[in-house]
N, C-alpha and C. Protein backbone atom coordinates (compact mmCIF):
# COMPACT_ATOMS: atom_id res chain seq x y z
N MET A 1 -71.42 -9.48 -35.08
CA MET A 1 -70.02 -9.41 -35.28
C MET A 1 -69.56 -9.81 -33.65
N ALA A 2 -70.15 -9.41 -32.71
CA ALA A 2 -69.47 -9.86 -31.54
C ALA A 2 -69.85 -11.36 -31.22
N GLY A 3 -70.70 -11.90 -31.89
CA GLY A 3 -70.97 -13.33 -31.63
C GLY A 3 -69.67 -14.22 -32.26
N LEU A 4 -69.28 -13.66 -33.53
CA LEU A 4 -68.23 -14.31 -34.20
C LEU A 4 -66.83 -14.24 -33.36
N THR A 5 -66.58 -13.10 -32.79
CA THR A 5 -65.54 -12.96 -31.95
C THR A 5 -65.57 -13.80 -30.87
N ALA A 6 -66.77 -13.88 -30.20
CA ALA A 6 -66.86 -14.76 -28.88
C ALA A 6 -66.56 -16.19 -29.33
N ALA A 7 -67.34 -16.56 -30.59
CA ALA A 7 -66.89 -17.93 -30.97
C ALA A 7 -65.53 -18.32 -31.26
N ALA A 8 -64.91 -17.27 -31.90
CA ALA A 8 -63.46 -17.50 -32.29
C ALA A 8 -62.68 -17.63 -30.96
N LEU A 9 -63.08 -16.75 -29.95
CA LEU A 9 -62.27 -17.04 -28.71
C LEU A 9 -62.43 -18.19 -28.08
N ALA A 10 -63.63 -18.53 -27.96
CA ALA A 10 -63.94 -19.88 -27.40
C ALA A 10 -63.32 -21.17 -28.25
N GLY A 11 -63.28 -21.13 -29.43
CA GLY A 11 -62.55 -22.02 -30.22
C GLY A 11 -60.97 -21.99 -29.94
N ILE A 12 -60.24 -20.88 -29.94
CA ILE A 12 -58.94 -20.73 -29.45
C ILE A 12 -58.63 -21.35 -28.02
N GLY A 13 -59.80 -20.78 -27.12
CA GLY A 13 -59.53 -21.51 -25.77
C GLY A 13 -59.76 -22.98 -25.63
N PHE A 14 -60.56 -23.37 -26.33
CA PHE A 14 -60.63 -24.96 -26.53
C PHE A 14 -59.52 -25.54 -27.20
N LEU A 15 -58.86 -25.00 -28.01
CA LEU A 15 -57.68 -25.54 -28.75
C LEU A 15 -56.42 -25.54 -27.68
N ALA A 16 -56.21 -24.42 -27.05
CA ALA A 16 -55.28 -24.43 -26.12
C ALA A 16 -55.49 -25.44 -24.93
N PHE A 17 -56.79 -25.56 -24.35
CA PHE A 17 -57.19 -26.60 -23.50
C PHE A 17 -56.72 -28.05 -23.80
N GLN A 18 -57.17 -28.24 -25.18
CA GLN A 18 -56.88 -29.55 -25.89
C GLN A 18 -55.43 -29.85 -26.06
N ALA A 19 -54.60 -28.75 -26.28
CA ALA A 19 -53.24 -28.81 -26.42
C ALA A 19 -52.61 -29.23 -25.10
N ASN A 20 -53.17 -28.45 -24.07
CA ASN A 20 -52.64 -28.77 -22.58
C ASN A 20 -53.04 -30.16 -22.22
N ALA A 21 -54.22 -30.61 -22.63
CA ALA A 21 -54.76 -31.96 -22.13
C ALA A 21 -54.04 -33.08 -22.76
N SER A 22 -53.60 -32.68 -24.20
CA SER A 22 -52.74 -33.87 -24.92
C SER A 22 -51.32 -33.86 -24.64
N ALA A 23 -50.73 -32.86 -23.64
CA ALA A 23 -49.36 -32.98 -23.49
C ALA A 23 -49.02 -34.06 -22.64
N PRO A 24 -47.67 -34.52 -22.72
CA PRO A 24 -47.36 -35.97 -21.97
C PRO A 24 -47.63 -35.60 -20.39
N GLU A 25 -48.03 -36.56 -19.63
CA GLU A 25 -48.37 -36.43 -18.30
C GLU A 25 -47.36 -35.80 -17.46
N HIS A 26 -46.02 -35.93 -17.79
CA HIS A 26 -44.96 -35.39 -17.01
C HIS A 26 -44.79 -33.87 -17.05
N LEU A 27 -45.37 -33.48 -18.33
CA LEU A 27 -45.27 -31.98 -18.59
C LEU A 27 -46.40 -31.37 -17.86
N ALA A 28 -47.56 -32.00 -17.59
CA ALA A 28 -48.60 -31.43 -16.87
C ALA A 28 -48.48 -31.19 -15.31
N LYS A 29 -47.39 -31.99 -15.01
CA LYS A 29 -47.29 -31.96 -13.46
C LYS A 29 -46.70 -30.78 -13.03
N ALA A 30 -46.15 -30.69 -11.81
CA ALA A 30 -45.57 -29.56 -11.05
C ALA A 30 -44.30 -29.11 -11.98
N PRO A 31 -43.93 -27.81 -12.04
CA PRO A 31 -42.60 -27.22 -12.82
C PRO A 31 -41.50 -28.13 -12.58
N HIS A 32 -40.68 -28.13 -13.67
CA HIS A 32 -39.52 -28.81 -13.56
C HIS A 32 -38.38 -28.22 -12.68
N SER A 33 -37.58 -28.91 -11.92
CA SER A 33 -36.62 -28.40 -11.11
C SER A 33 -35.20 -28.61 -11.88
N PRO A 34 -34.60 -27.81 -12.26
CA PRO A 34 -33.39 -27.80 -13.17
C PRO A 34 -32.28 -28.63 -12.16
N SER A 35 -31.57 -29.48 -12.85
CA SER A 35 -30.60 -30.45 -12.06
C SER A 35 -29.09 -29.75 -11.98
N ALA A 36 -29.01 -28.59 -12.62
CA ALA A 36 -27.88 -27.78 -12.58
C ALA A 36 -27.89 -26.52 -12.63
N SER A 37 -26.99 -25.71 -12.32
CA SER A 37 -27.05 -24.26 -12.36
C SER A 37 -25.83 -23.77 -13.30
N PRO A 38 -25.84 -23.82 -14.52
CA PRO A 38 -24.56 -23.42 -15.13
C PRO A 38 -24.22 -21.87 -15.03
N SER A 39 -23.02 -21.54 -15.08
CA SER A 39 -22.50 -20.14 -15.08
C SER A 39 -23.19 -19.38 -16.25
N PRO A 40 -23.24 -17.99 -15.93
CA PRO A 40 -23.67 -17.01 -16.95
C PRO A 40 -22.91 -17.29 -18.15
N SER A 41 -23.41 -16.85 -19.42
CA SER A 41 -22.78 -16.84 -20.61
C SER A 41 -21.36 -16.12 -20.55
N ALA A 42 -20.40 -16.82 -21.22
CA ALA A 42 -19.14 -16.06 -21.44
C ALA A 42 -19.37 -14.87 -22.53
N ASP A 43 -20.39 -15.02 -23.24
CA ASP A 43 -20.66 -13.97 -24.26
C ASP A 43 -21.97 -13.30 -24.11
N PRO A 44 -21.98 -12.39 -23.15
CA PRO A 44 -23.34 -11.86 -22.58
C PRO A 44 -23.91 -11.07 -23.70
N ASN A 45 -23.17 -10.58 -24.70
CA ASN A 45 -23.86 -9.64 -25.58
C ASN A 45 -24.27 -10.59 -26.84
N GLY A 46 -23.96 -11.93 -26.90
CA GLY A 46 -24.44 -12.81 -27.91
C GLY A 46 -23.74 -12.43 -29.10
N SER A 47 -22.52 -11.85 -29.27
CA SER A 47 -21.94 -11.52 -30.47
C SER A 47 -21.79 -12.65 -31.28
N GLY A 48 -21.64 -12.56 -32.69
CA GLY A 48 -21.79 -13.45 -33.56
C GLY A 48 -22.88 -13.38 -34.45
N GLY A 49 -22.90 -13.91 -35.68
CA GLY A 49 -23.96 -13.46 -36.62
C GLY A 49 -25.09 -14.48 -36.49
N HIS A 50 -26.31 -14.27 -36.96
CA HIS A 50 -27.49 -14.93 -36.84
C HIS A 50 -27.25 -16.07 -37.72
N GLY A 51 -27.44 -17.30 -37.34
CA GLY A 51 -27.27 -18.46 -38.09
C GLY A 51 -25.99 -18.95 -38.46
N LYS A 52 -24.89 -18.44 -37.89
CA LYS A 52 -23.62 -18.90 -38.27
C LYS A 52 -23.33 -20.28 -38.16
N LYS A 53 -22.55 -20.97 -39.11
CA LYS A 53 -22.47 -22.37 -39.03
C LYS A 53 -20.62 -22.25 -38.68
N GLY A 54 -20.52 -23.66 -38.19
CA GLY A 54 -18.90 -23.83 -37.43
C GLY A 54 -18.13 -24.42 -38.47
N SER A 55 -18.39 -25.21 -39.52
CA SER A 55 -17.48 -26.12 -40.31
C SER A 55 -17.83 -25.88 -41.80
N GLY A 56 -17.10 -26.63 -42.56
CA GLY A 56 -17.36 -26.70 -43.99
C GLY A 56 -17.14 -25.22 -44.80
N GLY A 57 -16.02 -24.65 -44.26
CA GLY A 57 -15.68 -23.38 -44.99
C GLY A 57 -16.57 -22.30 -44.75
N LYS A 58 -17.74 -22.48 -44.07
CA LYS A 58 -18.55 -21.36 -43.33
C LYS A 58 -17.95 -20.72 -42.16
N GLU A 59 -18.47 -19.47 -41.84
CA GLU A 59 -17.88 -18.82 -40.77
C GLU A 59 -17.92 -19.42 -39.37
N ALA A 60 -17.12 -19.21 -38.77
CA ALA A 60 -16.89 -19.83 -37.47
C ALA A 60 -18.05 -19.20 -36.43
N ALA A 61 -18.60 -20.09 -35.73
CA ALA A 61 -19.65 -19.95 -34.69
C ALA A 61 -19.24 -19.13 -33.55
N ALA A 62 -20.15 -18.29 -32.92
CA ALA A 62 -19.75 -17.51 -31.57
C ALA A 62 -19.37 -18.71 -30.60
N ALA A 63 -18.52 -18.21 -29.56
CA ALA A 63 -18.07 -19.14 -28.38
C ALA A 63 -19.44 -19.64 -27.82
N VAL A 64 -19.39 -20.93 -27.53
CA VAL A 64 -20.30 -21.32 -26.78
C VAL A 64 -20.11 -20.84 -25.27
N PRO A 65 -21.22 -20.71 -24.55
CA PRO A 65 -21.02 -20.05 -23.13
C PRO A 65 -20.43 -20.86 -22.04
N ALA A 66 -19.49 -20.48 -21.37
CA ALA A 66 -18.77 -21.15 -20.42
C ALA A 66 -19.66 -21.75 -19.44
N GLY A 67 -19.36 -22.95 -18.85
CA GLY A 67 -20.14 -23.50 -17.85
C GLY A 67 -21.37 -24.17 -18.35
N SER A 68 -21.64 -24.36 -19.48
CA SER A 68 -22.84 -24.79 -20.18
C SER A 68 -22.74 -26.46 -20.59
N GLY A 69 -21.73 -26.92 -19.74
CA GLY A 69 -21.72 -28.45 -19.82
C GLY A 69 -20.73 -28.99 -20.87
N GLU A 70 -20.85 -30.23 -21.22
CA GLU A 70 -20.00 -31.02 -22.01
C GLU A 70 -21.01 -31.76 -23.12
N GLY A 71 -20.36 -32.38 -23.95
CA GLY A 71 -21.18 -33.19 -24.95
C GLY A 71 -22.18 -32.43 -25.85
N LYS A 72 -23.07 -33.36 -26.50
CA LYS A 72 -24.08 -32.82 -27.40
C LYS A 72 -25.12 -32.07 -26.60
N ARG A 73 -25.55 -30.83 -26.96
CA ARG A 73 -26.39 -30.15 -26.30
C ARG A 73 -26.92 -28.85 -26.78
N VAL A 74 -28.12 -28.50 -26.48
CA VAL A 74 -28.69 -27.09 -26.81
C VAL A 74 -28.39 -26.11 -25.67
N VAL A 75 -27.69 -25.00 -25.99
CA VAL A 75 -27.57 -24.15 -25.09
C VAL A 75 -28.36 -22.78 -25.35
N TYR A 76 -29.09 -22.39 -24.43
CA TYR A 76 -30.13 -21.12 -24.50
C TYR A 76 -29.56 -20.22 -23.45
N ALA A 77 -29.05 -19.14 -23.97
CA ALA A 77 -28.67 -17.83 -23.08
C ALA A 77 -29.89 -16.94 -23.09
N LEU A 78 -30.24 -16.82 -21.87
CA LEU A 78 -31.61 -15.97 -21.71
C LEU A 78 -31.20 -14.57 -22.01
N GLY A 79 -30.15 -14.02 -21.42
CA GLY A 79 -29.54 -12.65 -21.58
C GLY A 79 -29.31 -12.22 -22.96
N ALA A 80 -28.53 -13.15 -23.54
CA ALA A 80 -28.09 -13.10 -24.90
C ALA A 80 -29.15 -13.23 -25.96
N LYS A 81 -30.43 -13.72 -25.67
CA LYS A 81 -31.30 -14.09 -26.39
C LYS A 81 -30.85 -14.88 -27.77
N ARG A 82 -30.09 -16.05 -27.48
CA ARG A 82 -29.33 -16.63 -28.31
C ARG A 82 -29.32 -18.40 -27.95
N VAL A 83 -29.10 -19.05 -28.91
CA VAL A 83 -29.09 -20.52 -28.82
C VAL A 83 -27.92 -20.97 -29.63
N TRP A 84 -27.04 -21.80 -28.99
CA TRP A 84 -26.13 -22.61 -29.70
C TRP A 84 -26.40 -24.21 -29.81
N LEU A 85 -26.28 -24.69 -30.93
CA LEU A 85 -26.42 -26.12 -31.00
C LEU A 85 -24.82 -26.81 -31.00
N VAL A 86 -24.70 -27.52 -29.91
CA VAL A 86 -23.34 -27.74 -29.69
C VAL A 86 -23.09 -29.21 -29.96
N ASP A 87 -22.08 -29.71 -30.89
CA ASP A 87 -21.81 -31.14 -31.10
C ASP A 87 -21.18 -31.87 -30.06
N GLU A 88 -20.83 -33.20 -30.09
CA GLU A 88 -20.29 -34.10 -29.18
C GLU A 88 -18.71 -33.37 -28.74
N SER A 89 -18.21 -32.76 -29.81
CA SER A 89 -16.67 -32.34 -29.57
C SER A 89 -16.86 -30.94 -28.89
N GLY A 90 -17.90 -30.53 -28.53
CA GLY A 90 -17.98 -29.14 -27.76
C GLY A 90 -18.12 -27.79 -28.54
N LYS A 91 -18.08 -28.07 -29.94
CA LYS A 91 -18.20 -26.85 -30.74
C LYS A 91 -19.65 -26.65 -31.26
N ALA A 92 -19.77 -25.42 -31.45
CA ALA A 92 -21.20 -25.17 -31.87
C ALA A 92 -21.30 -25.29 -33.53
N SER A 93 -22.18 -26.31 -33.81
CA SER A 93 -22.57 -26.26 -35.26
C SER A 93 -23.28 -25.38 -35.73
N ALA A 94 -24.15 -24.54 -34.86
CA ALA A 94 -24.99 -23.32 -35.32
C ALA A 94 -25.33 -22.64 -34.13
N THR A 95 -25.58 -21.45 -34.47
CA THR A 95 -25.89 -20.60 -33.37
C THR A 95 -27.04 -19.33 -33.97
N PHE A 96 -27.89 -19.00 -33.21
CA PHE A 96 -28.79 -18.06 -33.83
C PHE A 96 -29.55 -17.21 -32.72
N GLU A 97 -30.11 -16.19 -33.08
CA GLU A 97 -31.01 -15.45 -32.08
C GLU A 97 -32.25 -15.85 -31.98
N VAL A 98 -32.84 -15.78 -30.90
CA VAL A 98 -34.28 -16.17 -30.77
C VAL A 98 -34.98 -14.87 -30.12
N THR A 99 -36.47 -15.02 -30.09
CA THR A 99 -37.32 -14.18 -29.51
C THR A 99 -37.75 -14.85 -28.16
N PRO A 100 -37.29 -14.51 -27.20
CA PRO A 100 -37.84 -15.13 -25.94
C PRO A 100 -39.26 -15.00 -25.58
N SER A 101 -39.72 -15.92 -24.86
CA SER A 101 -41.15 -16.02 -24.51
C SER A 101 -41.50 -14.94 -23.20
N THR A 102 -42.56 -14.96 -22.64
CA THR A 102 -42.86 -14.02 -21.43
C THR A 102 -42.39 -14.98 -20.27
N VAL A 103 -42.39 -16.31 -20.43
CA VAL A 103 -42.05 -17.06 -19.13
C VAL A 103 -40.74 -17.74 -19.54
N ASP A 104 -39.60 -17.51 -18.61
CA ASP A 104 -38.31 -17.89 -18.85
C ASP A 104 -38.22 -19.23 -18.02
N PRO A 105 -37.49 -20.28 -18.59
CA PRO A 105 -37.24 -21.38 -17.58
C PRO A 105 -36.02 -20.87 -16.67
N ALA A 106 -35.91 -21.62 -15.59
CA ALA A 106 -34.67 -21.15 -14.46
C ALA A 106 -33.52 -21.77 -15.37
N PRO A 107 -32.32 -21.05 -15.06
CA PRO A 107 -31.04 -21.73 -15.61
C PRO A 107 -30.97 -23.01 -14.87
N GLY A 108 -30.42 -24.08 -15.93
CA GLY A 108 -30.36 -25.34 -15.41
C GLY A 108 -30.33 -26.30 -16.55
N THR A 109 -30.29 -27.59 -16.28
CA THR A 109 -30.30 -28.66 -17.39
C THR A 109 -31.42 -29.21 -17.46
N TYR A 110 -32.04 -29.35 -18.76
CA TYR A 110 -33.48 -29.90 -19.06
C TYR A 110 -33.04 -30.97 -20.11
N SER A 111 -34.15 -31.65 -20.50
CA SER A 111 -34.10 -32.67 -21.79
C SER A 111 -35.40 -32.26 -22.46
N VAL A 112 -35.20 -32.64 -23.86
CA VAL A 112 -36.33 -32.33 -24.73
C VAL A 112 -37.19 -33.49 -24.50
N THR A 113 -38.75 -32.98 -23.97
CA THR A 113 -39.73 -33.91 -23.56
C THR A 113 -40.68 -34.26 -24.58
N SER A 114 -40.90 -33.34 -25.67
CA SER A 114 -41.81 -33.89 -26.77
C SER A 114 -41.59 -32.76 -27.89
N ARG A 115 -41.82 -33.25 -29.08
CA ARG A 115 -41.72 -32.46 -30.22
C ARG A 115 -43.23 -32.44 -31.07
N ALA A 116 -43.60 -31.57 -31.87
CA ALA A 116 -44.48 -31.54 -32.71
C ALA A 116 -44.41 -30.76 -33.96
N ALA A 117 -44.75 -31.16 -35.03
CA ALA A 117 -44.45 -30.75 -36.37
C ALA A 117 -45.34 -29.36 -36.60
N ALA A 118 -46.45 -29.20 -36.02
CA ALA A 118 -47.25 -28.01 -36.27
C ALA A 118 -48.35 -28.18 -35.28
N VAL A 119 -48.66 -26.97 -34.57
CA VAL A 119 -49.85 -26.94 -33.63
C VAL A 119 -50.04 -25.33 -33.49
N LEU A 120 -51.14 -25.14 -32.67
CA LEU A 120 -51.36 -23.87 -32.38
C LEU A 120 -50.88 -23.44 -31.21
N GLY A 121 -50.09 -22.20 -31.07
CA GLY A 121 -49.37 -21.89 -29.80
C GLY A 121 -50.06 -21.38 -28.94
N SER A 122 -49.70 -21.14 -27.73
CA SER A 122 -50.72 -20.60 -26.45
C SER A 122 -50.96 -19.16 -26.82
N ASP A 123 -50.34 -18.34 -27.71
CA ASP A 123 -50.62 -17.14 -28.14
C ASP A 123 -51.67 -17.02 -29.25
N GLY A 124 -52.01 -18.42 -29.70
CA GLY A 124 -53.06 -18.29 -30.87
C GLY A 124 -52.50 -18.25 -32.20
N VAL A 125 -51.00 -18.29 -32.29
CA VAL A 125 -50.12 -18.28 -33.53
C VAL A 125 -49.99 -19.63 -33.85
N ARG A 126 -50.11 -20.10 -35.14
CA ARG A 126 -49.80 -21.42 -35.72
C ARG A 126 -48.29 -21.36 -35.86
N ILE A 127 -47.81 -22.51 -35.09
CA ILE A 127 -46.21 -22.66 -34.96
C ILE A 127 -46.02 -24.00 -35.53
N VAL A 128 -44.74 -24.09 -35.98
CA VAL A 128 -44.07 -25.34 -36.39
C VAL A 128 -42.77 -25.85 -35.82
N LYS A 129 -42.30 -26.98 -36.08
CA LYS A 129 -41.12 -27.52 -35.54
C LYS A 129 -40.97 -27.18 -34.01
N VAL A 130 -41.82 -27.66 -33.32
CA VAL A 130 -41.98 -27.46 -31.67
C VAL A 130 -41.05 -28.42 -31.02
N VAL A 131 -40.36 -27.80 -30.18
CA VAL A 131 -39.41 -28.56 -29.42
C VAL A 131 -39.43 -28.18 -27.99
N ARG A 132 -40.04 -28.89 -27.30
CA ARG A 132 -40.47 -28.79 -25.58
C ARG A 132 -39.52 -29.24 -24.81
N PHE A 133 -39.09 -28.52 -23.78
CA PHE A 133 -38.10 -28.89 -22.77
C PHE A 133 -38.27 -28.46 -21.30
N ALA A 134 -39.25 -27.90 -21.00
CA ALA A 134 -39.39 -27.25 -19.52
C ALA A 134 -40.96 -27.03 -19.45
N VAL A 135 -41.24 -27.02 -18.11
CA VAL A 135 -42.48 -26.30 -17.70
C VAL A 135 -42.11 -25.42 -16.49
N THR A 136 -42.64 -24.13 -16.70
CA THR A 136 -42.30 -23.22 -15.67
C THR A 136 -43.55 -22.70 -15.02
N GLY A 137 -44.03 -22.67 -13.82
CA GLY A 137 -45.20 -22.03 -13.48
C GLY A 137 -46.51 -22.53 -14.25
N GLY A 138 -46.37 -23.74 -14.66
CA GLY A 138 -47.44 -24.45 -15.41
C GLY A 138 -47.55 -24.07 -16.89
N VAL A 139 -46.42 -23.30 -17.37
CA VAL A 139 -46.44 -22.95 -18.73
C VAL A 139 -45.33 -23.92 -19.50
N VAL A 140 -45.66 -24.50 -20.42
CA VAL A 140 -44.76 -25.36 -21.24
C VAL A 140 -43.87 -24.32 -22.06
N VAL A 141 -42.52 -24.66 -22.07
CA VAL A 141 -41.59 -23.88 -22.78
C VAL A 141 -40.89 -24.63 -23.66
N GLY A 142 -40.66 -23.95 -24.88
CA GLY A 142 -39.93 -24.70 -26.09
C GLY A 142 -39.59 -23.71 -27.20
N PHE A 143 -38.89 -24.33 -28.07
CA PHE A 143 -38.45 -23.59 -29.21
C PHE A 143 -39.47 -23.95 -30.33
N SER A 144 -39.80 -22.98 -31.17
CA SER A 144 -40.63 -23.05 -32.17
C SER A 144 -40.44 -21.97 -33.25
N ALA A 145 -41.01 -22.12 -34.33
CA ALA A 145 -41.22 -21.02 -35.43
C ALA A 145 -42.64 -20.74 -35.61
N ALA A 146 -43.07 -19.43 -35.97
CA ALA A 146 -44.31 -19.15 -36.43
C ALA A 146 -44.46 -19.66 -37.84
N ALA A 147 -45.63 -20.24 -38.27
CA ALA A 147 -45.81 -20.84 -39.59
C ALA A 147 -45.55 -19.65 -40.69
N ASP A 148 -45.78 -18.48 -40.43
CA ASP A 148 -45.54 -17.33 -41.43
C ASP A 148 -44.12 -16.91 -41.25
N GLY A 149 -43.42 -17.13 -40.42
CA GLY A 149 -41.87 -16.88 -40.31
C GLY A 149 -41.64 -15.57 -39.60
N SER A 150 -42.85 -15.17 -39.06
CA SER A 150 -42.55 -13.84 -38.31
C SER A 150 -42.05 -14.17 -36.71
N THR A 151 -41.40 -13.30 -36.19
CA THR A 151 -40.94 -13.31 -34.79
C THR A 151 -41.16 -11.91 -33.93
N PRO A 152 -42.45 -11.77 -33.92
CA PRO A 152 -42.73 -10.83 -32.91
C PRO A 152 -42.57 -10.78 -31.56
N GLN A 153 -42.45 -9.69 -30.84
CA GLN A 153 -42.19 -9.69 -29.60
C GLN A 153 -43.53 -10.16 -28.86
N PRO A 154 -43.59 -11.11 -27.97
CA PRO A 154 -44.77 -11.60 -27.37
C PRO A 154 -45.39 -10.34 -26.46
N ASP A 155 -46.66 -10.53 -26.31
CA ASP A 155 -47.42 -9.62 -25.43
C ASP A 155 -47.04 -9.90 -23.90
N PRO A 156 -46.38 -8.82 -23.40
CA PRO A 156 -45.82 -8.80 -22.10
C PRO A 156 -46.83 -9.22 -20.82
N GLY A 157 -48.21 -8.94 -21.30
CA GLY A 157 -49.34 -9.30 -20.47
C GLY A 157 -49.75 -10.70 -20.43
N SER A 158 -49.19 -11.55 -21.34
CA SER A 158 -49.61 -13.03 -21.53
C SER A 158 -48.56 -13.80 -20.94
N ARG A 159 -48.89 -15.01 -20.67
CA ARG A 159 -47.99 -16.08 -20.10
C ARG A 159 -47.80 -17.12 -21.20
N THR A 160 -46.77 -16.78 -21.85
CA THR A 160 -46.51 -17.72 -23.05
C THR A 160 -45.01 -18.39 -22.83
N GLY A 161 -44.77 -19.75 -23.52
CA GLY A 161 -43.59 -20.36 -23.33
C GLY A 161 -42.83 -20.67 -24.74
N GLY A 162 -43.48 -19.90 -25.64
CA GLY A 162 -42.76 -20.19 -26.98
C GLY A 162 -41.57 -19.42 -27.32
N VAL A 163 -40.45 -19.97 -27.50
CA VAL A 163 -39.10 -19.24 -27.72
C VAL A 163 -39.13 -19.15 -29.24
N ARG A 164 -39.42 -18.16 -29.97
CA ARG A 164 -39.50 -18.18 -31.46
C ARG A 164 -38.19 -18.01 -32.20
N GLU A 165 -38.11 -18.80 -33.22
CA GLU A 165 -36.99 -18.88 -34.08
C GLU A 165 -37.22 -18.59 -35.32
N SER A 166 -36.44 -18.34 -36.34
CA SER A 166 -36.87 -18.28 -37.84
C SER A 166 -37.09 -19.50 -38.28
N LEU A 167 -37.82 -19.56 -39.44
CA LEU A 167 -38.15 -21.07 -39.99
C LEU A 167 -36.86 -21.72 -40.48
N LYS A 168 -35.81 -21.18 -40.88
CA LYS A 168 -34.54 -21.82 -41.26
C LYS A 168 -34.02 -22.24 -39.71
N ASP A 169 -34.08 -21.56 -38.89
CA ASP A 169 -33.26 -21.97 -37.65
C ASP A 169 -34.12 -23.01 -36.86
N ALA A 170 -35.37 -23.03 -37.04
CA ALA A 170 -36.35 -24.09 -36.48
C ALA A 170 -36.04 -25.32 -37.20
N ASP A 171 -35.92 -25.43 -38.54
CA ASP A 171 -35.39 -26.57 -39.29
C ASP A 171 -34.14 -27.06 -38.48
N THR A 172 -33.11 -26.35 -38.36
CA THR A 172 -31.94 -26.70 -37.94
C THR A 172 -32.16 -27.31 -36.42
N MET A 173 -32.92 -26.70 -35.62
CA MET A 173 -33.07 -27.25 -34.22
C MET A 173 -33.88 -28.56 -34.49
N TRP A 174 -34.88 -28.65 -35.11
CA TRP A 174 -35.65 -29.96 -35.32
C TRP A 174 -34.66 -30.95 -35.75
N ASP A 175 -33.88 -30.78 -36.62
CA ASP A 175 -32.78 -32.01 -36.99
C ASP A 175 -31.94 -32.21 -35.76
N PHE A 176 -31.42 -31.19 -35.00
CA PHE A 176 -30.66 -31.50 -34.05
C PHE A 176 -31.12 -32.01 -32.72
N ALA A 177 -32.27 -31.57 -32.32
CA ALA A 177 -32.68 -31.82 -30.99
C ALA A 177 -33.98 -32.97 -31.01
N ASP A 178 -33.41 -34.15 -30.80
CA ASP A 178 -34.54 -35.21 -30.71
C ASP A 178 -34.92 -35.28 -29.35
N LEU A 179 -35.99 -36.34 -29.21
CA LEU A 179 -36.40 -36.50 -27.78
C LEU A 179 -35.31 -36.94 -26.88
N GLY A 180 -35.30 -36.36 -25.63
CA GLY A 180 -34.25 -36.56 -24.51
C GLY A 180 -32.92 -35.95 -24.86
N SER A 181 -32.75 -35.21 -25.93
CA SER A 181 -31.62 -34.44 -26.17
C SER A 181 -31.62 -33.40 -24.77
N LYS A 182 -29.97 -33.06 -24.53
CA LYS A 182 -30.03 -32.01 -23.33
C LYS A 182 -30.27 -30.72 -23.80
N VAL A 183 -30.72 -29.84 -23.05
CA VAL A 183 -30.89 -28.36 -23.18
C VAL A 183 -30.45 -27.74 -21.87
N VAL A 184 -29.42 -26.80 -22.18
CA VAL A 184 -28.98 -26.13 -20.76
C VAL A 184 -29.25 -24.68 -21.06
N VAL A 185 -30.11 -24.09 -20.05
CA VAL A 185 -30.43 -22.66 -20.00
C VAL A 185 -29.28 -21.96 -19.17
N VAL A 186 -28.80 -20.97 -19.71
CA VAL A 186 -27.90 -20.09 -18.83
C VAL A 186 -28.47 -18.64 -18.84
N LYS A 187 -27.88 -17.99 -17.84
CA LYS A 187 -28.24 -16.62 -17.86
C LYS A 187 -27.75 -15.77 -19.11
């Protein structure tokens, strides 16, 4: 039994190494330095419902955090544990709660650097609709959903960069955030 456990752990370690080795070169380098420092969220409590939409007769989305920039962008509020998908007009087309990773990116402006339909996460969980945008302390940070739809709190003793979304919200993010899309992280 111990041999099987050791083999499984070795396999997971190899897959994590392989994922890191196959990451684009610019992600494997030193941590990204944000180019701006947006103001903290105007909505620190993250009020507004999970997955609210902004138009088409649906409920209005919660207010986009002040100081999060202009134009089309993803806004991730660390304290509110919430994401807004903001269209060109500056209005949120969607907003939803997320489960933060154990490693937070510094507040600032980033770009989507890579995407993957399905991979094994650094925590050993099979994840889908991965949208990566930062590297912090050698840990790649991005949005994703667990393939089984779960959003458990990450192990505080591990260094992971997966900001977990529901499967539905991951679909919405995937459709919105192409390579090069702006991601603004606020407090």
